[in-house]
Amino acid sequence: MEFIKQLEWRYATKKFDTNKKVSEDDLEVLKKAIQLSVSSYGLQLYKVLVIENKEIRKKLKLASWNQSQVTDASYLFVFCNYTDAKPESIDEFINLTADIRNLSLEKLQGYGDFIKTKLEEKSAAERYYWLKSQTYIALANLLSACAALKIDACPMEGFDAEEYNSILGLRENELNASVVVAVGYRSDEDRTQNLPKVRKPAELLFQSL
């Protein structure tokens, strides 16, 4: 399958070519792929910052253990989870669903109440980690879309989230930096691109029941 070949081609790019830039058209495709990602209940309780500004990225590089991908890639995607799942966010989702599907709010009220009840059953810590995990689903869509377009990417957890929150003013908007992805084109000098991909063999990874 072509999709498998695309996944085999991609790798976590360590050194980007600063002279190559992802086009605006391709950037819009990547954003659309994120927008179409699945999420629990369809809520999408996160925001994605697409950062091109060099000065901001210089600051973020210092908060990312000085990793060059942050400044050398075309764009830096910062996935930010909501710090809590508030009832107002559920109401916004229900209102949006009613508008897009041309349904009455009364028909969707039960679903909205169900979501609120299920989230209230979680502790604050459980809700926080549940919210953070949603960003990784969207991250997977971005990486797959990059591979399909032959655009390189490097997902990164090696950064100081609190520093990112401070630099980007996230806490004021009840957001938290969850995971980061540098997007651009690999440098010819990146030696890791020629290394064989290391993955568990299928017989160890899968079990049929």
Protein backbone atom coordinates (compact mmCIF):
# COMPACT_ATOMS: atom_id res chain seq x y z
CA MET A 1 0.00 0.00 0.00
CA GLU A 2 1.13 3.53 -0.77
CA PHE A 3 0.20 4.62 2.75
CA ILE A 4 2.58 2.05 4.27
CA LYS A 5 5.37 3.25 1.98
CA GLN A 6 4.76 6.80 3.22
CA LEU A 7 5.01 5.68 6.84
CA GLU A 8 8.19 3.75 6.08
CA TRP A 9 9.66 6.90 4.49
CA ARG A 10 9.05 9.17 7.48
CA TYR A 11 11.30 9.42 10.51
CA ALA A 12 11.81 11.85 13.37
CA THR A 13 13.92 14.43 11.55
CA LYS A 14 16.81 15.72 13.66
CA LYS A 15 18.26 18.32 11.28
CA PHE A 16 16.13 20.47 8.98
CA ASP A 17 17.11 22.32 5.81
CA THR A 18 16.64 26.00 6.67
CA ASN A 19 16.55 26.92 2.97
CA LYS A 20 13.44 24.86 2.19
CA LYS A 21 10.01 26.08 3.24
CA VAL A 22 6.67 24.27 3.46
CA SER A 23 4.26 25.99 1.05
CA GLU A 24 1.12 27.78 2.22
CA ASP A 25 -1.02 25.28 0.31
CA ASP A 26 0.63 22.30 2.02
CA LEU A 27 0.36 24.05 5.38
CA GLU A 28 -3.39 24.35 4.89
CA VAL A 29 -3.59 20.61 4.13
CA LEU A 30 -1.73 19.82 7.36
CA LYS A 31 -4.08 22.06 9.34
CA LYS A 32 -7.08 20.39 7.71
CA ALA A 33 -5.73 16.97 8.69
CA ILE A 34 -5.54 18.11 12.30
CA GLN A 35 -9.02 19.62 12.13
CA LEU A 36 -10.42 16.29 10.87
CA SER A 37 -8.83 14.26 13.66
CA VAL A 38 -11.03 12.12 15.86
CA SER A 39 -11.39 13.01 19.54
CA SER A 40 -13.36 11.69 22.50
CA TYR A 41 -17.03 12.65 22.10
CA GLY A 42 -15.90 14.84 19.18
CA LEU A 43 -15.08 17.68 21.59
CA GLN A 44 -11.58 18.63 20.34
CA LEU A 45 -10.68 20.27 23.65
CA TYR A 46 -7.35 21.59 22.45
CA LYS A 47 -5.81 24.38 20.40
CA VAL A 48 -2.89 24.14 18.00
CA LEU A 49 -0.46 27.02 17.66
CA VAL A 50 1.35 27.16 14.31
CA ILE A 51 4.44 29.24 14.97
CA GLU A 52 6.56 30.76 12.21
CA ASN A 53 7.90 33.78 14.12
CA LYS A 54 11.67 33.38 14.49
CA GLU A 55 12.00 35.44 17.66
CA ILE A 56 9.35 33.43 19.48
CA ARG A 57 10.99 30.20 18.35
CA LYS A 58 14.39 31.33 19.62
CA LYS A 59 12.84 31.66 23.07
CA LEU A 60 11.15 28.29 22.74
CA LYS A 61 14.41 26.69 21.65
CA LEU A 62 15.94 27.60 25.00
CA ALA A 63 12.97 25.90 26.67
CA SER A 64 13.49 22.84 24.44
CA TRP A 65 16.96 21.80 25.60
CA ASN A 66 18.40 23.86 22.73
CA GLN A 67 17.17 21.46 20.05
CA SER A 68 17.75 22.98 16.62
CA GLN A 69 14.53 21.59 15.12
CA VAL A 70 12.56 24.27 16.96
CA THR A 71 14.16 27.12 15.01
CA ASP A 72 15.31 25.40 11.80
CA ALA A 73 12.03 23.83 10.67
CA SER A 74 9.52 25.77 8.57
CA TYR A 75 6.91 25.76 11.31
CA LEU A 76 6.54 24.68 14.89
CA PHE A 77 3.19 23.15 15.83
CA VAL A 78 2.43 23.42 19.55
CA PHE A 79 -0.49 21.24 20.64
CA CYS A 80 -2.15 22.73 23.72
CA ASN A 81 -4.74 20.89 25.77
CA TYR A 82 -7.41 22.68 27.79
CA THR A 83 -6.53 22.57 31.48
CA ASP A 84 -10.06 21.40 32.33
CA ALA A 85 -13.22 20.21 30.60
CA LYS A 86 -15.76 22.85 31.59
CA PRO A 87 -19.52 22.51 31.08
CA GLU A 88 -19.40 25.61 28.86
CA SER A 89 -17.13 23.76 26.43
CA ILE A 90 -19.65 20.94 26.20
CA ASP A 91 -22.41 23.46 25.56
CA GLU A 92 -20.36 25.07 22.77
CA PHE A 93 -19.92 21.66 21.14
CA ILE A 94 -23.64 20.87 21.40
CA ASN A 95 -24.55 24.26 19.92
CA LEU A 96 -22.09 23.75 17.06
CA THR A 97 -23.49 20.26 16.38
CA ALA A 98 -27.05 21.58 16.34
CA ASP A 99 -26.06 24.34 13.92
CA ILE A 100 -24.07 22.16 11.50
CA ARG A 101 -26.55 19.27 11.48
CA ASN A 102 -29.63 21.50 11.59
CA LEU A 103 -30.94 19.88 14.77
CA SER A 104 -32.82 21.34 17.69
CA LEU A 105 -30.90 21.81 20.93
CA GLU A 106 -33.59 19.81 22.70
CA LYS A 107 -32.68 16.69 20.67
CA LEU A 108 -29.04 17.01 21.71
CA GLN A 109 -29.56 17.98 25.34
CA GLY A 110 -29.41 14.38 26.54
CA TYR A 111 -26.08 13.78 24.81
CA GLY A 112 -24.64 16.96 26.29
CA ASP A 113 -25.78 15.97 29.77
CA PHE A 114 -24.31 12.49 29.29
CA ILE A 115 -20.90 13.92 28.38
CA LYS A 116 -20.94 16.26 31.38
CA THR A 117 -21.86 13.41 33.71
CA LYS A 118 -19.10 11.14 32.42
CA LEU A 119 -16.49 13.87 32.76
CA GLU A 120 -17.66 14.80 36.25
CA GLU A 121 -17.06 11.18 37.27
CA LYS A 122 -13.35 11.66 36.59
CA SER A 123 -11.07 13.18 39.20
CA ALA A 124 -9.29 16.44 38.37
CA ALA A 125 -6.09 14.49 37.66
CA GLU A 126 -7.92 12.01 35.42
CA ARG A 127 -9.54 14.83 33.45
CA TYR A 128 -6.17 16.55 33.01
CA TYR A 129 -4.46 13.46 31.58
CA TRP A 130 -7.52 12.63 29.48
CA LEU A 131 -7.41 16.12 27.98
CA LYS A 132 -3.68 15.89 27.33
CA SER A 133 -4.04 12.52 25.62
CA GLN A 134 -6.47 14.02 23.08
CA THR A 135 -3.67 16.08 21.56
CA TYR A 136 -1.72 12.92 20.69
CA ILE A 137 -4.57 11.69 18.49
CA ALA A 138 -4.39 14.92 16.48
CA LEU A 139 -0.59 14.63 16.47
CA ALA A 140 -0.86 11.25 14.72
CA ASN A 141 -2.99 12.77 11.96
CA LEU A 142 -0.44 15.53 11.43
CA LEU A 143 2.45 13.05 11.15
CA SER A 144 0.53 10.89 8.67
CA ALA A 145 -0.41 13.94 6.57
CA CYS A 146 3.21 15.07 6.55
CA ALA A 147 4.31 11.65 5.32
CA ALA A 148 1.68 11.71 2.57
CA LEU A 149 3.00 15.08 1.35
CA LYS A 150 6.67 14.08 1.73
CA ILE A 151 7.08 16.74 4.40
CA ASP A 152 9.39 15.94 7.29
CA ALA A 153 8.40 16.21 10.91
CA CYS A 154 9.80 15.66 14.38
CA PRO A 155 7.41 15.14 17.31
CA MET A 156 8.98 16.42 20.51
CA GLU A 157 8.27 15.94 24.20
CA GLY A 158 11.71 17.25 25.18
CA PHE A 159 10.70 20.70 26.34
CA ASP A 160 9.78 22.56 29.51
CA ALA A 161 6.00 22.84 29.34
CA GLU A 162 5.82 25.53 32.01
CA GLU A 163 8.33 27.65 30.10
CA TYR A 164 6.29 27.21 26.92
CA ASN A 165 3.15 28.16 28.83
CA SER A 166 4.85 31.31 30.07
CA ILE A 167 6.40 32.35 26.76
CA LEU A 168 3.18 31.79 24.81
CA GLY A 169 0.80 33.09 27.49
CA LEU A 170 -1.07 29.81 27.60
CA ARG A 171 -2.08 29.68 31.26
CA GLU A 172 -4.01 32.94 30.88
CA ASN A 173 -6.14 31.15 28.29
CA GLU A 174 -6.48 27.97 30.37
CA LEU A 175 -4.20 26.02 28.01
CA ASN A 176 -1.17 23.82 28.53
CA ALA A 177 1.59 22.93 26.06
CA SER A 178 1.28 19.17 25.58
CA VAL A 179 3.42 18.08 22.63
CA VAL A 180 5.37 19.88 19.91
CA VAL A 181 6.02 19.03 16.25
CA ALA A 182 8.67 20.67 14.06
CA VAL A 183 7.64 20.56 10.38
CA GLY A 184 9.81 21.19 7.32
CA TYR A 185 12.29 19.36 5.09
CA ARG A 186 15.21 17.16 6.10
CA SER A 187 18.75 18.35 5.64
CA ASP A 188 21.13 16.25 3.56
CA GLU A 189 23.40 16.41 6.62
CA ASP A 190 20.89 14.60 8.85
CA ARG A 191 22.56 11.22 9.27
CA THR A 192 19.57 9.67 11.03
CA GLN A 193 17.56 9.63 7.78
CA ASN A 194 19.63 6.68 6.52
CA LEU A 195 19.28 4.53 9.61
CA PRO A 196 17.01 1.46 9.37
CA LYS A 197 13.68 1.94 11.13
CA VAL A 198 13.56 0.03 14.41
CA ARG A 199 10.17 -1.48 15.22
CA LYS A 200 9.07 -4.60 17.07
CA PRO A 201 8.35 -7.56 14.77
CA ALA A 202 4.64 -8.15 14.17
CA GLU A 203 4.63 -11.44 16.09
CA LEU A 204 5.68 -9.62 19.25
CA LEU A 205 3.46 -6.59 18.75
CA PHE A 206 0.16 -8.30 17.89
CA GLN A 207 -1.82 -11.07 19.51
CA SER A 208 -4.91 -12.64 18.00
CA LEU A 209 -7.60 -13.85 20.38
